[in-house]
Amino acid sequence: MKAHKQTTFLISLLGILCVACSISYSFTGSSIDYETTKTITISDFPNQAPLVYPPLAQKFTEELKDLFTRRTKLQMIQANGDINLEGEITGYDLAPMAIKEDAYSSMTKLTLTIRVRYANRANPDKDFEQSFSANREFNSDRMLETIQDELNGELVKEITEQIFNSTVADW
């Protein structure tokens, strides 16, 4: 009888500890305190690069909004969010790579650079302004126009992930 009471007591104690001590895991990749941070504003990112690819600004802005919508519970609003992201496309550059013996390039590198200003009303000490960039190389015998959409999709995805990780993932 005494062993039964001890077992019942231990099970009850374990149950209380399990309820009292909870660990929170997030599988979305974000570490946002939703008690203080409920909204986000992502402004349009205009293309101010010397070389302009017209669909890039809208594609980038929409991909960034989609990423935050998919991975967080933040409500997207037009202005004055608890988190504000704004910036501009500052670089869209082509550079020759791997020069061959005939002085022609066999590879070309496309680099996309985005400047971001991040403001967090709940945690102003986390505010920052930073540039993010990504690049891809492609064979110089291919015309940029034929692979531009594919390359831009990869570059935009990589940079939006970098921005997400730097702002709300605390990585």
N, C-alpha and C. Protein backbone atom coordinates (compact mmCIF):
# COMPACT_ATOMS: atom_id res chain seq x y z
N MET A 1 0.82 -1.19 0.00
CA MET A 1 0.00 0.00 0.00
C MET A 1 0.86 1.25 0.00
N LYS A 2 1.97 1.22 0.81
CA LYS A 2 2.86 2.37 0.89
C LYS A 2 3.54 2.63 -0.47
N ALA A 3 3.94 1.57 -1.17
CA ALA A 3 4.57 1.70 -2.49
C ALA A 3 3.60 2.30 -3.49
N HIS A 4 2.34 1.90 -3.37
CA HIS A 4 1.32 2.44 -4.27
C HIS A 4 1.13 3.95 -4.06
N LYS A 5 1.15 4.41 -2.82
CA LYS A 5 1.02 5.83 -2.52
C LYS A 5 2.22 6.60 -3.03
N GLN A 6 3.41 6.01 -2.90
CA GLN A 6 4.62 6.69 -3.39
C GLN A 6 4.59 6.80 -4.91
N THR A 7 4.15 5.74 -5.56
CA THR A 7 4.05 5.75 -7.01
C THR A 7 3.03 6.79 -7.48
N THR A 8 1.90 6.84 -6.82
CA THR A 8 0.87 7.82 -7.16
C THR A 8 1.39 9.23 -6.94
N PHE A 9 2.10 9.43 -5.84
CA PHE A 9 2.68 10.75 -5.55
C PHE A 9 3.70 11.15 -6.62
N LEU A 10 4.57 10.23 -7.01
CA LEU A 10 5.59 10.53 -8.03
C LEU A 10 4.95 10.84 -9.39
N ILE A 11 3.93 10.10 -9.75
CA ILE A 11 3.25 10.35 -11.03
C ILE A 11 2.57 11.72 -10.99
N SER A 12 1.94 12.04 -9.87
CA SER A 12 1.29 13.35 -9.73
C SER A 12 2.32 14.47 -9.80
N LEU A 13 3.43 14.29 -9.11
CA LEU A 13 4.50 15.29 -9.12
C LEU A 13 5.06 15.48 -10.53
N LEU A 14 5.26 14.37 -11.23
CA LEU A 14 5.75 14.45 -12.61
C LEU A 14 4.77 15.20 -13.49
N GLY A 15 3.48 14.92 -13.32
CA GLY A 15 2.46 15.60 -14.10
C GLY A 15 2.47 17.10 -13.84
N ILE A 16 2.61 17.49 -12.59
CA ILE A 16 2.66 18.92 -12.24
C ILE A 16 3.89 19.57 -12.85
N LEU A 17 5.02 18.89 -12.78
CA LEU A 17 6.26 19.44 -13.36
C LEU A 17 6.14 19.60 -14.87
N CYS A 18 5.52 18.63 -15.53
CA CYS A 18 5.36 18.71 -16.98
C CYS A 18 4.50 19.90 -17.38
N VAL A 19 3.45 20.15 -16.60
CA VAL A 19 2.56 21.28 -16.89
C VAL A 19 3.26 22.59 -16.55
N ALA A 20 3.99 22.64 -15.46
CA ALA A 20 4.63 23.87 -15.00
C ALA A 20 5.81 24.27 -15.86
N CYS A 21 6.56 23.29 -16.31
CA CYS A 21 7.76 23.57 -17.11
C CYS A 21 7.48 23.22 -18.55
N SER A 22 7.30 24.22 -19.35
CA SER A 22 7.08 23.92 -20.76
C SER A 22 8.17 24.59 -21.58
N ILE A 23 8.57 23.90 -22.61
CA ILE A 23 9.58 24.41 -23.52
C ILE A 23 8.89 24.68 -24.84
N SER A 24 9.17 25.84 -25.41
CA SER A 24 8.52 26.22 -26.65
C SER A 24 9.49 26.08 -27.81
N TYR A 25 9.09 25.32 -28.80
CA TYR A 25 9.87 25.17 -30.02
C TYR A 25 9.11 25.77 -31.17
N SER A 26 9.82 26.39 -32.08
CA SER A 26 9.18 26.97 -33.26
C SER A 26 9.74 26.30 -34.49
N PHE A 27 8.86 25.71 -35.29
CA PHE A 27 9.31 25.04 -36.50
C PHE A 27 9.21 25.97 -37.71
N THR A 28 8.83 27.20 -37.48
CA THR A 28 8.74 28.16 -38.58
C THR A 28 10.06 28.87 -38.80
N GLY A 29 10.98 28.75 -37.87
CA GLY A 29 12.26 29.41 -38.02
C GLY A 29 12.28 30.81 -37.46
N SER A 30 11.21 31.24 -36.80
CA SER A 30 11.20 32.58 -36.25
C SER A 30 11.19 32.55 -34.74
N SER A 31 11.71 33.61 -34.14
CA SER A 31 11.70 33.72 -32.68
C SER A 31 11.09 35.07 -32.32
N ILE A 32 9.81 35.19 -32.56
CA ILE A 32 9.08 36.44 -32.36
C ILE A 32 8.24 36.32 -31.10
N ASP A 33 8.24 37.36 -30.29
CA ASP A 33 7.35 37.42 -29.13
C ASP A 33 6.03 38.00 -29.62
N TYR A 34 5.06 37.14 -29.85
CA TYR A 34 3.79 37.57 -30.42
C TYR A 34 2.92 38.36 -29.42
N GLU A 35 3.35 38.43 -28.18
CA GLU A 35 2.64 39.27 -27.21
C GLU A 35 2.92 40.74 -27.49
N THR A 36 4.14 41.07 -27.90
CA THR A 36 4.52 42.46 -28.14
C THR A 36 4.62 42.80 -29.63
N THR A 37 4.72 41.79 -30.48
CA THR A 37 4.90 42.02 -31.91
C THR A 37 3.81 41.29 -32.67
N LYS A 38 2.88 42.06 -33.24
CA LYS A 38 1.74 41.46 -33.91
C LYS A 38 1.64 41.80 -35.39
N THR A 39 2.26 42.91 -35.80
CA THR A 39 2.10 43.38 -37.18
C THR A 39 3.45 43.63 -37.84
N ILE A 40 3.43 43.62 -39.16
CA ILE A 40 4.63 43.92 -39.95
C ILE A 40 4.24 44.76 -41.15
N THR A 41 5.10 45.71 -41.47
CA THR A 41 4.94 46.52 -42.68
C THR A 41 6.18 46.29 -43.54
N ILE A 42 5.96 45.87 -44.76
CA ILE A 42 7.06 45.71 -45.72
C ILE A 42 6.77 46.66 -46.88
N SER A 43 7.60 47.69 -46.98
CA SER A 43 7.43 48.68 -48.04
C SER A 43 7.98 48.14 -49.36
N ASP A 44 7.57 48.77 -50.46
CA ASP A 44 8.12 48.40 -51.76
C ASP A 44 9.61 48.70 -51.79
N PHE A 45 10.37 47.84 -52.43
CA PHE A 45 11.81 48.00 -52.59
C PHE A 45 12.07 48.48 -54.02
N PRO A 46 12.24 49.79 -54.21
CA PRO A 46 12.47 50.30 -55.57
C PRO A 46 13.83 49.87 -56.10
N ASN A 47 13.93 49.79 -57.40
CA ASN A 47 15.18 49.40 -58.05
C ASN A 47 15.99 50.65 -58.36
N GLN A 48 17.07 50.86 -57.60
CA GLN A 48 17.94 52.01 -57.81
C GLN A 48 19.32 51.59 -58.32
N ALA A 49 19.40 50.37 -58.82
CA ALA A 49 20.67 49.88 -59.36
C ALA A 49 20.94 50.54 -60.71
N PRO A 50 22.20 50.71 -61.06
CA PRO A 50 22.51 51.29 -62.37
C PRO A 50 21.98 50.45 -63.53
N LEU A 51 22.03 49.13 -63.41
CA LEU A 51 21.46 48.22 -64.41
C LEU A 51 20.12 47.75 -63.87
N VAL A 52 19.04 48.03 -64.61
CA VAL A 52 17.69 47.75 -64.10
C VAL A 52 17.05 46.62 -64.88
N TYR A 53 16.55 45.64 -64.15
CA TYR A 53 15.72 44.58 -64.72
C TYR A 53 14.31 44.88 -64.21
N PRO A 54 13.40 45.38 -65.07
CA PRO A 54 12.11 45.92 -64.62
C PRO A 54 11.28 45.06 -63.67
N PRO A 55 11.13 43.75 -63.88
CA PRO A 55 10.26 42.99 -62.97
C PRO A 55 10.87 42.70 -61.60
N LEU A 56 12.14 43.01 -61.41
CA LEU A 56 12.85 42.60 -60.21
C LEU A 56 12.30 43.24 -58.92
N ALA A 57 12.00 44.52 -58.93
CA ALA A 57 11.54 45.21 -57.72
C ALA A 57 10.26 44.59 -57.19
N GLN A 58 9.29 44.38 -58.05
CA GLN A 58 8.02 43.80 -57.61
C GLN A 58 8.21 42.35 -57.18
N LYS A 59 9.01 41.59 -57.93
CA LYS A 59 9.26 40.18 -57.60
C LYS A 59 9.90 40.07 -56.22
N PHE A 60 10.89 40.91 -55.95
CA PHE A 60 11.57 40.86 -54.67
C PHE A 60 10.62 41.21 -53.52
N THR A 61 9.90 42.32 -53.65
CA THR A 61 8.99 42.77 -52.59
C THR A 61 7.94 41.71 -52.29
N GLU A 62 7.35 41.13 -53.33
CA GLU A 62 6.31 40.12 -53.12
C GLU A 62 6.87 38.85 -52.48
N GLU A 63 8.06 38.43 -52.88
CA GLU A 63 8.68 37.24 -52.29
C GLU A 63 8.99 37.47 -50.81
N LEU A 64 9.45 38.66 -50.45
CA LEU A 64 9.74 38.98 -49.06
C LEU A 64 8.45 38.96 -48.23
N LYS A 65 7.39 39.56 -48.75
CA LYS A 65 6.10 39.55 -48.06
C LYS A 65 5.58 38.11 -47.90
N ASP A 66 5.68 37.33 -48.96
CA ASP A 66 5.21 35.94 -48.90
C ASP A 66 5.98 35.13 -47.85
N LEU A 67 7.28 35.34 -47.76
CA LEU A 67 8.10 34.61 -46.80
C LEU A 67 7.66 34.91 -45.36
N PHE A 68 7.45 36.17 -45.05
CA PHE A 68 7.03 36.54 -43.70
C PHE A 68 5.60 36.08 -43.42
N THR A 69 4.75 36.07 -44.42
CA THR A 69 3.38 35.60 -44.24
C THR A 69 3.35 34.09 -43.99
N ARG A 70 4.18 33.34 -44.71
CA ARG A 70 4.21 31.88 -44.56
C ARG A 70 4.83 31.44 -43.25
N ARG A 71 5.87 32.13 -42.80
CA ARG A 71 6.65 31.64 -41.67
C ARG A 71 6.38 32.31 -40.33
N THR A 72 5.52 33.31 -40.31
CA THR A 72 5.21 33.97 -39.04
C THR A 72 3.70 34.13 -38.92
N LYS A 73 3.27 34.54 -37.74
CA LYS A 73 1.86 34.84 -37.49
C LYS A 73 1.61 36.34 -37.57
N LEU A 74 2.59 37.09 -38.02
CA LEU A 74 2.46 38.55 -38.09
C LEU A 74 1.41 38.94 -39.12
N GLN A 75 0.64 39.96 -38.79
CA GLN A 75 -0.36 40.48 -39.72
C GLN A 75 0.30 41.57 -40.57
N MET A 76 0.18 41.45 -41.87
CA MET A 76 0.75 42.42 -42.80
C MET A 76 -0.17 43.64 -42.86
N ILE A 77 0.40 44.83 -42.55
CA ILE A 77 -0.38 46.06 -42.64
C ILE A 77 0.38 47.07 -43.50
N GLN A 78 -0.32 48.10 -43.99
CA GLN A 78 0.25 49.05 -44.94
C GLN A 78 1.31 49.98 -44.33
N ALA A 79 1.13 50.38 -43.07
CA ALA A 79 2.06 51.34 -42.46
C ALA A 79 2.12 51.14 -40.95
N ASN A 80 3.24 51.57 -40.37
CA ASN A 80 3.43 51.60 -38.92
C ASN A 80 3.25 50.25 -38.23
N GLY A 81 3.83 49.20 -38.80
CA GLY A 81 3.79 47.89 -38.16
C GLY A 81 4.73 47.84 -36.96
N ASP A 82 4.55 46.82 -36.14
CA ASP A 82 5.47 46.63 -35.02
C ASP A 82 6.88 46.35 -35.54
N ILE A 83 6.95 45.71 -36.70
CA ILE A 83 8.21 45.53 -37.43
C ILE A 83 8.05 46.24 -38.76
N ASN A 84 9.07 47.00 -39.15
CA ASN A 84 9.07 47.69 -40.44
C ASN A 84 10.30 47.29 -41.23
N LEU A 85 10.08 46.88 -42.47
CA LEU A 85 11.17 46.57 -43.39
C LEU A 85 11.03 47.46 -44.61
N GLU A 86 12.10 48.14 -44.95
CA GLU A 86 12.12 48.96 -46.16
C GLU A 86 13.53 48.96 -46.71
N GLY A 87 13.66 49.41 -47.93
CA GLY A 87 14.98 49.46 -48.53
C GLY A 87 14.89 49.62 -50.03
N GLU A 88 15.98 49.26 -50.70
CA GLU A 88 16.03 49.41 -52.15
C GLU A 88 17.02 48.42 -52.74
N ILE A 89 16.82 48.16 -54.01
CA ILE A 89 17.77 47.35 -54.77
C ILE A 89 18.89 48.30 -55.18
N THR A 90 20.09 48.03 -54.73
CA THR A 90 21.21 48.95 -54.98
C THR A 90 22.20 48.41 -56.01
N GLY A 91 22.14 47.12 -56.28
CA GLY A 91 23.08 46.56 -57.23
C GLY A 91 22.49 45.42 -58.02
N TYR A 92 22.71 45.45 -59.31
CA TYR A 92 22.35 44.38 -60.22
C TYR A 92 23.47 44.38 -61.25
N ASP A 93 24.50 43.59 -60.97
CA ASP A 93 25.76 43.73 -61.70
C ASP A 93 26.19 42.45 -62.40
N LEU A 94 26.77 42.63 -63.55
CA LEU A 94 27.39 41.53 -64.30
C LEU A 94 28.89 41.72 -64.29
N ALA A 95 29.63 40.63 -64.04
CA ALA A 95 31.09 40.71 -64.03
C ALA A 95 31.65 39.49 -64.75
N PRO A 96 32.65 39.72 -65.61
CA PRO A 96 33.28 38.57 -66.28
C PRO A 96 34.11 37.76 -65.29
N MET A 97 34.07 36.46 -65.45
CA MET A 97 34.83 35.54 -64.60
C MET A 97 35.56 34.56 -65.50
N ALA A 98 36.56 33.91 -64.98
CA ALA A 98 37.26 32.83 -65.68
C ALA A 98 37.66 33.23 -67.11
N ILE A 99 38.58 34.17 -67.21
CA ILE A 99 39.06 34.64 -68.52
C ILE A 99 39.87 33.53 -69.19
N LYS A 100 39.55 33.24 -70.45
CA LYS A 100 40.25 32.20 -71.21
C LYS A 100 41.48 32.80 -71.89
N GLU A 101 42.25 31.94 -72.52
CA GLU A 101 43.49 32.38 -73.17
C GLU A 101 43.25 33.36 -74.31
N ASP A 102 42.05 33.36 -74.91
CA ASP A 102 41.75 34.30 -75.98
C ASP A 102 41.22 35.63 -75.44
N ALA A 103 41.34 35.84 -74.12
CA ALA A 103 40.96 37.08 -73.43
C ALA A 103 39.45 37.26 -73.33
N TYR A 104 38.70 36.23 -73.63
CA TYR A 104 37.25 36.28 -73.46
C TYR A 104 36.87 35.52 -72.18
N SER A 105 35.80 35.96 -71.60
CA SER A 105 35.33 35.33 -70.38
C SER A 105 34.52 34.08 -70.70
N SER A 106 34.77 33.01 -69.95
CA SER A 106 33.98 31.79 -70.15
C SER A 106 32.79 31.75 -69.19
N MET A 107 32.86 32.56 -68.13
CA MET A 107 31.78 32.61 -67.14
C MET A 107 31.48 34.07 -66.83
N THR A 108 30.22 34.33 -66.48
CA THR A 108 29.79 35.65 -66.07
C THR A 108 29.09 35.51 -64.72
N LYS A 109 29.32 36.47 -63.84
CA LYS A 109 28.69 36.45 -62.52
C LYS A 109 27.64 37.56 -62.44
N LEU A 110 26.42 37.17 -62.04
CA LEU A 110 25.34 38.12 -61.80
C LEU A 110 25.20 38.28 -60.29
N THR A 111 25.29 39.52 -59.81
CA THR A 111 25.19 39.80 -58.38
C THR A 111 24.03 40.75 -58.13
N LEU A 112 23.21 40.39 -57.16
CA LEU A 112 22.08 41.22 -56.74
C LEU A 112 22.36 41.70 -55.32
N THR A 113 22.21 43.01 -55.08
CA THR A 113 22.44 43.59 -53.76
C THR A 113 21.22 44.40 -53.34
N ILE A 114 20.78 44.17 -52.10
CA ILE A 114 19.61 44.85 -51.55
C ILE A 114 20.00 45.50 -50.24
N ARG A 115 19.71 46.79 -50.09
CA ARG A 115 19.92 47.47 -48.81
C ARG A 115 18.60 47.44 -48.04
N VAL A 116 18.67 47.04 -46.76
CA VAL A 116 17.48 46.88 -45.93
C VAL A 116 17.61 47.71 -44.67
N ARG A 117 16.52 48.37 -44.31
CA ARG A 117 16.41 49.06 -43.03
C ARG A 117 15.33 48.33 -42.23
N TYR A 118 15.73 47.83 -41.06
CA TYR A 118 14.84 47.05 -40.21
C TYR A 118 14.60 47.82 -38.92
N ALA A 119 13.32 48.00 -38.58
CA ALA A 119 12.96 48.66 -37.33
C ALA A 119 11.97 47.77 -36.57
N ASN A 120 12.27 47.59 -35.29
CA ASN A 120 11.43 46.75 -34.44
C ASN A 120 10.97 47.61 -33.25
N ARG A 121 9.69 47.98 -33.23
CA ARG A 121 9.18 48.86 -32.17
C ARG A 121 9.29 48.23 -30.77
N ALA A 122 9.12 46.92 -30.68
CA ALA A 122 9.19 46.25 -29.38
C ALA A 122 10.63 46.12 -28.88
N ASN A 123 11.57 46.06 -29.82
CA ASN A 123 12.99 45.87 -29.49
C ASN A 123 13.85 46.81 -30.33
N PRO A 124 13.84 48.11 -30.07
CA PRO A 124 14.58 49.05 -30.91
C PRO A 124 16.09 48.79 -30.96
N ASP A 125 16.63 48.08 -29.97
CA ASP A 125 18.07 47.78 -29.99
C ASP A 125 18.42 46.78 -31.09
N LYS A 126 17.41 46.16 -31.71
CA LYS A 126 17.66 45.23 -32.81
C LYS A 126 17.57 45.91 -34.19
N ASP A 127 17.23 47.19 -34.22
CA ASP A 127 17.15 47.92 -35.49
C ASP A 127 18.50 47.90 -36.19
N PHE A 128 18.47 47.85 -37.53
CA PHE A 128 19.72 47.90 -38.28
C PHE A 128 19.47 48.35 -39.71
N GLU A 129 20.55 48.74 -40.35
CA GLU A 129 20.57 48.97 -41.79
C GLU A 129 21.74 48.16 -42.32
N GLN A 130 21.46 47.32 -43.33
CA GLN A 130 22.48 46.39 -43.82
C GLN A 130 22.21 46.05 -45.28
N SER A 131 23.27 45.75 -46.01
CA SER A 131 23.13 45.27 -47.39
C SER A 131 23.27 43.76 -47.42
N PHE A 132 22.45 43.14 -48.24
CA PHE A 132 22.48 41.70 -48.45
C PHE A 132 22.73 41.46 -49.93
N SER A 133 23.53 40.45 -50.25
CA SER A 133 23.76 40.16 -51.66
C SER A 133 23.90 38.67 -51.90
N ALA A 134 23.67 38.30 -53.13
CA ALA A 134 23.83 36.93 -53.59
C ALA A 134 24.27 36.99 -55.04
N ASN A 135 24.93 35.94 -55.49
CA ASN A 135 25.37 35.92 -56.89
C ASN A 135 25.28 34.52 -57.47
N ARG A 136 25.24 34.47 -58.78
CA ARG A 136 25.24 33.22 -59.53
C ARG A 136 26.14 33.40 -60.75
N GLU A 137 26.86 32.35 -61.07
CA GLU A 137 27.68 32.36 -62.29
C GLU A 137 26.96 31.55 -63.36
N PHE A 138 27.17 31.96 -64.61
CA PHE A 138 26.59 31.24 -65.74
C PHE A 138 27.57 31.31 -66.90
N ASN A 139 27.43 30.35 -67.81
CA ASN A 139 28.31 30.31 -68.98
C ASN A 139 28.10 31.55 -69.83
N SER A 140 29.21 32.14 -70.24
CA SER A 140 29.14 33.38 -71.02
C SER A 140 28.57 33.16 -72.42
N ASP A 141 28.53 31.92 -72.87
CA ASP A 141 27.96 31.68 -74.19
C ASP A 141 26.42 31.72 -74.15
N ARG A 142 25.84 31.84 -72.97
CA ARG A 142 24.39 31.97 -72.83
C ARG A 142 24.04 33.45 -72.69
N MET A 143 22.96 33.84 -73.30
CA MET A 143 22.49 35.21 -73.20
C MET A 143 21.77 35.39 -71.87
N LEU A 144 22.04 36.50 -71.18
CA LEU A 144 21.41 36.77 -69.90
C LEU A 144 19.89 36.74 -70.02
N GLU A 145 19.36 37.27 -71.09
CA GLU A 145 17.91 37.34 -71.28
C GLU A 145 17.25 35.96 -71.22
N THR A 146 17.96 34.91 -71.61
CA THR A 146 17.36 33.57 -71.64
C THR A 146 17.34 32.90 -70.26
N ILE A 147 18.19 33.34 -69.36
CA ILE A 147 18.27 32.71 -68.03
C ILE A 147 18.01 33.70 -66.89
N GLN A 148 17.71 34.93 -67.23
CA GLN A 148 17.56 35.99 -66.23
C GLN A 148 16.47 35.70 -65.20
N ASP A 149 15.31 35.23 -65.64
CA ASP A 149 14.22 34.95 -64.71
C ASP A 149 14.61 33.85 -63.72
N GLU A 150 15.23 32.79 -64.22
CA GLU A 150 15.66 31.69 -63.37
C GLU A 150 16.70 32.15 -62.35
N LEU A 151 17.70 32.88 -62.81
CA LEU A 151 18.76 33.37 -61.91
C LEU A 151 18.19 34.33 -60.88
N ASN A 152 17.32 35.23 -61.30
CA ASN A 152 16.72 36.18 -60.37
C ASN A 152 15.87 35.48 -59.32
N GLY A 153 15.17 34.43 -59.72
CA GLY A 153 14.39 33.66 -58.75
C GLY A 153 15.28 33.08 -57.66
N GLU A 154 16.43 32.54 -58.05
CA GLU A 154 17.37 31.97 -57.09
C GLU A 154 17.97 33.06 -56.19
N LEU A 155 18.36 34.18 -56.79
CA LEU A 155 18.97 35.27 -56.02
C LEU A 155 17.97 35.87 -55.03
N VAL A 156 16.76 36.10 -55.48
CA VAL A 156 15.72 36.67 -54.62
C VAL A 156 15.42 35.72 -53.46
N LYS A 157 15.31 34.44 -53.74
CA LYS A 157 15.04 33.46 -52.67
C LYS A 157 16.16 33.47 -51.64
N GLU A 158 17.40 33.49 -52.08
CA GLU A 158 18.54 33.49 -51.16
C GLU A 158 18.58 34.76 -50.30
N ILE A 159 18.35 35.90 -50.91
CA ILE A 159 18.42 37.16 -50.16
C ILE A 159 17.25 37.31 -49.20
N THR A 160 16.05 36.90 -49.61
CA THR A 160 14.91 36.99 -48.69
C THR A 160 15.14 36.08 -47.48
N GLU A 161 15.74 34.93 -47.69
CA GLU A 161 16.08 34.03 -46.56
C GLU A 161 17.10 34.70 -45.64
N GLN A 162 18.09 35.36 -46.22
CA GLN A 162 19.10 36.07 -45.41
C GLN A 162 18.43 37.15 -44.56
N ILE A 163 17.52 37.90 -45.16
CA ILE A 163 16.83 38.98 -44.45
C ILE A 163 15.96 38.40 -43.34
N PHE A 164 15.22 37.35 -43.64
CA PHE A 164 14.37 36.70 -42.62
C PHE A 164 15.23 36.24 -41.44
N ASN A 165 16.33 35.56 -41.73
CA ASN A 165 17.20 35.06 -40.67
C ASN A 165 17.81 36.19 -39.85
N SER A 166 18.14 37.30 -40.48
CA SER A 166 18.77 38.42 -39.76
C SER A 166 17.76 39.23 -38.95
N THR A 167 16.49 39.18 -39.32
CA THR A 167 15.51 40.01 -38.64
C THR A 167 14.74 39.27 -37.56
N VAL A 168 14.10 38.18 -37.88
CA VAL A 168 13.23 37.52 -36.90
C VAL A 168 13.67 36.13 -36.48
N ALA A 169 14.66 35.58 -37.13
CA ALA A 169 15.09 34.22 -36.76
C ALA A 169 16.21 34.26 -35.72
N ASP A 170 16.82 35.43 -35.50
CA ASP A 170 17.92 35.58 -34.55
C ASP A 170 19.06 34.62 -34.83
N TRP A 171 19.40 34.45 -36.10
CA TRP A 171 20.52 33.58 -36.47
C TRP A 171 21.74 34.40 -36.75
